[in-house]
C-alpha atoms as a PDB file:
ATOM      1  CA  MET A   1      26.182  -7.858  -0.640  1.00  0.00           C
ATOM      2  CA  SER A   2      28.830  -9.165   2.156  1.00  0.00           C
ATOM      3  CA  THR A   3      31.748  -9.919  -0.187  1.00  0.00           C
ATOM      4  CA  LYS A   4      34.594  -7.896   0.505  1.00  0.00           C
ATOM      5  CA  LYS A   5      37.444  -6.977  -1.575  1.00  0.00           C
ATOM      6  CA  GLU A   6      40.667  -5.907  -0.397  1.00  0.00           C
ATOM      7  CA  SER A   7      40.570  -2.669  -1.769  1.00  0.00           C
ATOM      8  CA  ASP A   8      36.825  -2.205  -0.414  1.00  0.00           C
ATOM      9  CA  SER A   9      36.727   0.247   2.603  1.00  0.00           C
ATOM     10  CA  PRO A  10      35.214  -1.272   5.567  1.00  0.00           C
ATOM     11  CA  GLY A  11      31.906   0.445   5.680  1.00  0.00           C
ATOM     12  CA  ASP A  12      30.971  -0.741   2.199  1.00  0.00           C
ATOM     13  CA  TRP A  13      29.616  -3.521   2.304  1.00  0.00           C
ATOM     14  CA  LEU A  14      26.995  -5.182   4.595  1.00  0.00           C
ATOM     15  CA  THR A  15      28.193  -7.076   7.792  1.00  0.00           C
ATOM     16  CA  LEU A  16      26.821 -10.750   7.842  1.00  0.00           C
ATOM     17  CA  ASP A  17      24.108  -9.712  10.602  1.00  0.00           C
ATOM     18  CA  GLU A  18      23.341  -6.677   8.553  1.00  0.00           C
ATOM     19  CA  GLU A  19      22.923  -8.983   5.379  1.00  0.00           C
ATOM     20  CA  ARG A  20      20.744 -11.474   7.226  1.00  0.00           C
ATOM     21  CA  ASP A  21      18.377  -9.058   8.738  1.00  0.00           C
ATOM     22  CA  TRP A  22      17.972  -6.730   5.339  1.00  0.00           C
ATOM     23  CA  ARG A  23      16.965 -10.146   3.550  1.00  0.00           C
ATOM     24  CA  ALA A  24      14.785 -11.343   6.605  1.00  0.00           C
ATOM     25  CA  TYR A  25      13.044  -7.893   5.928  1.00  0.00           C
ATOM     26  CA  LEU A  26      12.586  -8.334   2.616  1.00  0.00           C
ATOM     27  CA  ARG A  27      11.131 -11.706   2.671  1.00  0.00           C
ATOM     28  CA  MET A  28       8.923 -10.783   5.707  1.00  0.00           C
ATOM     29  CA  VAL A  29       7.323  -7.775   3.403  1.00  0.00           C
ATOM     30  CA  THR A  30       7.136 -10.465   0.071  1.00  0.00           C
ATOM     31  CA  ALA A  31       5.583 -12.992   2.130  1.00  0.00           C
ATOM     32  CA  VAL A  32       3.039 -10.594   4.041  1.00  0.00           C
ATOM     33  CA  GLN A  33       2.009  -9.043   0.937  1.00  0.00           C
ATOM     34  CA  VAL A  34       1.744 -11.998  -1.086  1.00  0.00           C
ATOM     35  CA  ARG A  35      -0.399 -13.839   1.369  1.00  0.00           C
ATOM     36  CA  THR A  36      -2.693 -10.731   1.527  1.00  0.00           C
ATOM     37  CA  ALA A  37      -2.537 -10.130  -2.060  1.00  0.00           C
ATOM     38  CA  HIS A  38      -3.857 -13.859  -2.663  1.00  0.00           C
ATOM     39  CA  ASP A  39      -6.790 -13.010  -0.087  1.00  0.00           C
ATOM     40  CA  LEU A  40      -7.771  -9.725  -2.083  1.00  0.00           C
ATOM     41  CA  ALA A  41      -7.508 -11.580  -5.480  1.00  0.00           C
ATOM     42  CA  ALA A  42     -10.157 -14.015  -4.125  1.00  0.00           C
ATOM     43  CA  LEU A  43     -12.394 -11.037  -3.378  1.00  0.00           C
ATOM     44  CA  GLY A  44     -11.816  -9.723  -6.903  1.00  0.00           C
ATOM     45  CA  LEU A  45     -10.003  -7.121  -5.688  1.00  0.00           C
ATOM     46  CA  SER A  46      -5.645  -6.071  -6.533  1.00  0.00           C
ATOM     47  CA  GLU A  47      -3.877  -4.969  -3.607  1.00  0.00           C
ATOM     48  CA  PRO A  48      -3.623  -1.165  -5.447  1.00  0.00           C
ATOM     49  CA  ASP A  49      -7.795  -1.677  -5.973  1.00  0.00           C
ATOM     50  CA  TYR A  50      -8.039  -2.117  -2.055  1.00  0.00           C
ATOM     51  CA  GLU A  51      -5.415   0.717  -1.555  1.00  0.00           C
ATOM     52  CA  VAL A  52      -7.446   3.341  -3.712  1.00  0.00           C
ATOM     53  CA  LEU A  53     -10.689   2.172  -2.258  1.00  0.00           C
ATOM     54  CA  SER A  54     -10.087   2.038   1.088  1.00  0.00           C
ATOM     55  CA  THR A  55      -8.037   5.767   0.811  1.00  0.00           C
ATOM     56  CA  LEU A  56     -10.711   7.402  -0.816  1.00  0.00           C
ATOM     57  CA  SER A  57     -13.306   5.876   1.706  1.00  0.00           C
ATOM     58  CA  GLU A  58     -11.390   8.220   4.309  1.00  0.00           C
ATOM     59  CA  ARG A  59     -12.951  11.065   3.008  1.00  0.00           C
ATOM     60  CA  THR A  60     -16.379  11.875   4.059  1.00  0.00           C
ATOM     61  CA  ASP A  61     -17.822  12.142   0.450  1.00  0.00           C
ATOM     62  CA  GLY A  62     -15.236   9.386  -0.934  1.00  0.00           C
ATOM     63  CA  THR A  63     -13.783  11.970  -3.351  1.00  0.00           C
ATOM     64  CA  SER A  64     -10.271  13.184  -3.555  1.00  0.00           C
ATOM     65  CA  THR A  65      -8.160  15.194  -6.189  1.00  0.00           C
ATOM     66  CA  LEU A  66      -5.929  12.808  -8.085  1.00  0.00           C
ATOM     67  CA  ARG A  67      -3.182  14.787  -6.891  1.00  0.00           C
ATOM     68  CA  GLU A  68      -4.023  14.414  -3.384  1.00  0.00           C
ATOM     69  CA  GLN A  69      -4.856  10.594  -3.585  1.00  0.00           C
ATOM     70  CA  ALA A  70      -1.718  10.144  -5.436  1.00  0.00           C
ATOM     71  CA  ASN A  71       0.459  11.840  -2.864  1.00  0.00           C
ATOM     72  CA  LYS A  72      -1.232  10.186   0.104  1.00  0.00           C
ATOM     73  CA  MET A  73      -0.884   6.444  -1.564  1.00  0.00           C
ATOM     74  CA  GLY A  74       2.992   7.605  -2.180  1.00  0.00           C
ATOM     75  CA  TRP A  75       2.122   6.743  -5.856  1.00  0.00           C
ATOM     76  CA  SER A  76       2.826   9.265  -9.073  1.00  0.00           C
ATOM     77  CA  ARG A  77      -0.104  10.723 -10.623  1.00  0.00           C
ATOM     78  CA  SER A  78       0.306   8.877 -13.911  1.00  0.00           C
ATOM     79  CA  ARG A  79       0.430   5.537 -12.156  1.00  0.00           C
ATOM     80  CA  LEU A  80      -2.734   6.333 -10.220  1.00  0.00           C
ATOM     81  CA  SER A  81      -4.152   7.758 -13.430  1.00  0.00           C
ATOM     82  CA  ARG A  82      -3.808   4.458 -15.288  1.00  0.00           C
ATOM     83  CA  HIS A  83      -4.940   2.552 -12.418  1.00  0.00           C
ATOM     84  CA  ALA A  84      -8.013   4.742 -12.049  1.00  0.00           C
ATOM     85  CA  SER A  85      -8.953   4.227 -15.711  1.00  0.00           C
ATOM     86  CA  ARG A  86      -8.845   0.522 -15.121  1.00  0.00           C
ATOM     87  CA  MET A  87     -11.188   0.909 -12.100  1.00  0.00           C
ATOM     88  CA  GLU A  88     -13.207   3.151 -13.643  1.00  0.00           C
ATOM     89  CA  THR A  89     -14.381   0.555 -16.302  1.00  0.00           C
ATOM     90  CA  ARG A  90     -15.131  -1.613 -13.500  1.00  0.00           C
ATOM     91  CA  ASP A  91     -17.499   1.059 -12.125  1.00  0.00           C
ATOM     92  CA  LEU A  92     -15.399   1.188  -8.608  1.00  0.00           C
ATOM     93  CA  ILE A  93     -14.683   4.833  -9.065  1.00  0.00           C
ATOM     94  CA  ARG A  94     -15.459   7.658 -11.377  1.00  0.00           C
ATOM     95  CA  ARG A  95     -13.387  10.442 -12.569  1.00  0.00           C
ATOM     96  CA  ALA A  96     -14.678  14.074 -12.836  1.00  0.00           C
ATOM     97  CA  PRO A  97     -13.147  17.496 -13.916  1.00  0.00           C
ATOM     98  CA  ASP A  98     -11.557  19.137 -10.801  1.00  0.00           C
ATOM     99  CA  PRO A  99     -13.612  22.634 -10.716  1.00  0.00           C
ATOM    100  CA  ALA A 100     -10.717  24.063  -8.527  1.00  0.00           C
ATOM    101  CA  ASP A 101      -7.847  23.042 -11.102  1.00  0.00           C
ATOM    102  CA  GLY A 102      -8.957  22.717 -14.700  1.00  0.00           C
ATOM    103  CA  ARG A 103      -5.983  20.496 -15.345  1.00  0.00           C
ATOM    104  CA  GLY A 104      -6.529  17.868 -12.539  1.00  0.00           C
ATOM    105  CA  CYS A 105      -9.487  15.479 -11.911  1.00  0.00           C
ATOM    106  CA  LEU A 106     -11.750  14.317  -8.977  1.00  0.00           C
ATOM    107  CA  LEU A 107     -11.665  10.634  -8.279  1.00  0.00           C
ATOM    108  CA  ALA A 108     -14.831   9.268  -6.439  1.00  0.00           C
ATOM    109  CA  LEU A 109     -16.202   6.209  -5.065  1.00  0.00           C
ATOM    110  CA  THR A 110     -19.149   4.955  -6.893  1.00  0.00           C
ATOM    111  CA  PRO A 111     -22.045   3.168  -5.092  1.00  0.00           C
ATOM    112  CA  THR A 112     -20.580  -0.164  -6.384  1.00  0.00           C
ATOM    113  CA  GLY A 113     -16.882   0.875  -4.890  1.00  0.00           C
ATOM    114  CA  TRP A 114     -18.592   1.583  -2.008  1.00  0.00           C
ATOM    115  CA  GLN A 115     -20.343  -1.742  -1.729  1.00  0.00           C
ATOM    116  CA  THR A 116     -17.168  -3.780  -3.085  1.00  0.00           C
ATOM    117  CA  LEU A 117     -15.275  -1.992  -0.364  1.00  0.00           C
ATOM    118  CA  ARG A 118     -17.752  -2.892   2.501  1.00  0.00           C
ATOM    119  CA  GLY A 119     -17.783  -6.273   1.209  1.00  0.00           C
ATOM    120  CA  ALA A 120     -14.347  -7.038   1.178  1.00  0.00           C
ATOM    121  CA  ALA A 121     -12.948  -4.820   4.253  1.00  0.00           C
ATOM    122  CA  PRO A 122     -13.695  -7.452   6.897  1.00  0.00           C
ATOM    123  CA  ASP A 123     -12.424 -10.314   4.803  1.00  0.00           C
ATOM    124  CA  HIS A 124      -9.446  -8.206   4.338  1.00  0.00           C
ATOM    125  CA  VAL A 125      -9.149  -7.180   8.120  1.00  0.00           C
ATOM    126  CA  ALA A 126      -9.023 -11.104   8.937  1.00  0.00           C
ATOM    127  CA  SER A 127      -6.496 -11.651   6.277  1.00  0.00           C
ATOM    128  CA  VAL A 128      -4.129  -8.862   7.930  1.00  0.00           C
ATOM    129  CA  ARG A 129      -4.743 -10.527  11.322  1.00  0.00           C
ATOM    130  CA  ARG A 130      -3.762 -13.969  10.254  1.00  0.00           C
ATOM    131  CA  HIS A 131      -0.851 -13.225   7.780  1.00  0.00           C
ATOM    132  CA  PHE A 132       0.784 -10.295  10.394  1.00  0.00           C
ATOM    133  CA  ILE A 133      -1.178  -9.052  13.361  1.00  0.00           C
ATOM    134  CA  ASP A 134      -1.626 -12.292  15.005  1.00  0.00           C
ATOM    135  CA  ARG A 135       1.731 -13.589  14.478  1.00  0.00           C
ATOM    136  CA  LEU A 136       3.020 -10.894  16.702  1.00  0.00           C
ATOM    137  CA  THR A 137       3.116 -10.347  20.245  1.00  0.00           C
ATOM    138  CA  PRO A 138       1.720  -6.658  21.248  1.00  0.00           C
ATOM    139  CA  ASP A 139       5.489  -5.729  21.806  1.00  0.00           C
ATOM    140  CA  GLU A 140       6.662  -6.835  18.526  1.00  0.00           C
ATOM    141  CA  LEU A 141       3.925  -5.259  16.564  1.00  0.00           C
ATOM    142  CA  THR A 142       4.308  -1.921  18.582  1.00  0.00           C
ATOM    143  CA  ALA A 143       8.311  -2.053  17.786  1.00  0.00           C
ATOM    144  CA  LEU A 144       7.726  -2.948  14.573  1.00  0.00           C
ATOM    145  CA  GLY A 145       4.979   0.121  14.174  1.00  0.00           C
ATOM    146  CA  HIS A 146       7.679   2.228  15.616  1.00  0.00           C
ATOM    147  CA  ILE A 147      10.569   0.807  13.192  1.00  0.00           C
ATOM    148  CA  ALA A 148       7.884   1.475  10.245  1.00  0.00           C
ATOM    149  CA  ARG A 149       7.012   4.879  10.516  1.00  0.00           C
ATOM    150  CA  LYS A 150      10.639   5.687  11.581  1.00  0.00           C
ATOM    151  CA  LEU A 151      11.966   4.127   8.279  1.00  0.00           C
ATOM    152  CA  SER A 152       8.969   5.752   6.281  1.00  0.00           C
ATOM    153  CA  GLU A 153       9.832   9.432   7.252  1.00  0.00           C
ATOM    154  CA  ASP A 154      11.365  11.802   4.702  1.00  0.00           C
ATOM    155  CA  ARG A 155      14.788  12.565   5.172  1.00  0.00           C
END
């Protein structure tokens, strides 16, 4: 990325420091995701499974429209629909017609889904602590959280 040509303008390429930091960020995200995903897999869940279960659990009744859930997770509705089908075959969630939208559907945690989430959550929290939280000082965590929220904003 930092390789420059005579014809390139100075702003076209990353500096060596920018490239180093960009690559460090990519490696950090990959390392944390791989480690926490490995720990979730040992519990029989994928990261997307856990994301669906945990975000649905934020609703009092564990139910959300497919549209709202996809927006909350930053997924397309078709991606979530396909994943929901796989989770439905495992009895983690169920789908039902949305009475407010004839073309939409509701996603709801099943008793098995609630139980699976309750069983996995303590181990997942321990994994996040081990691979992320506990490796940073409180000031580093605060700064990283600020940066993450800044980069996550729509522009």
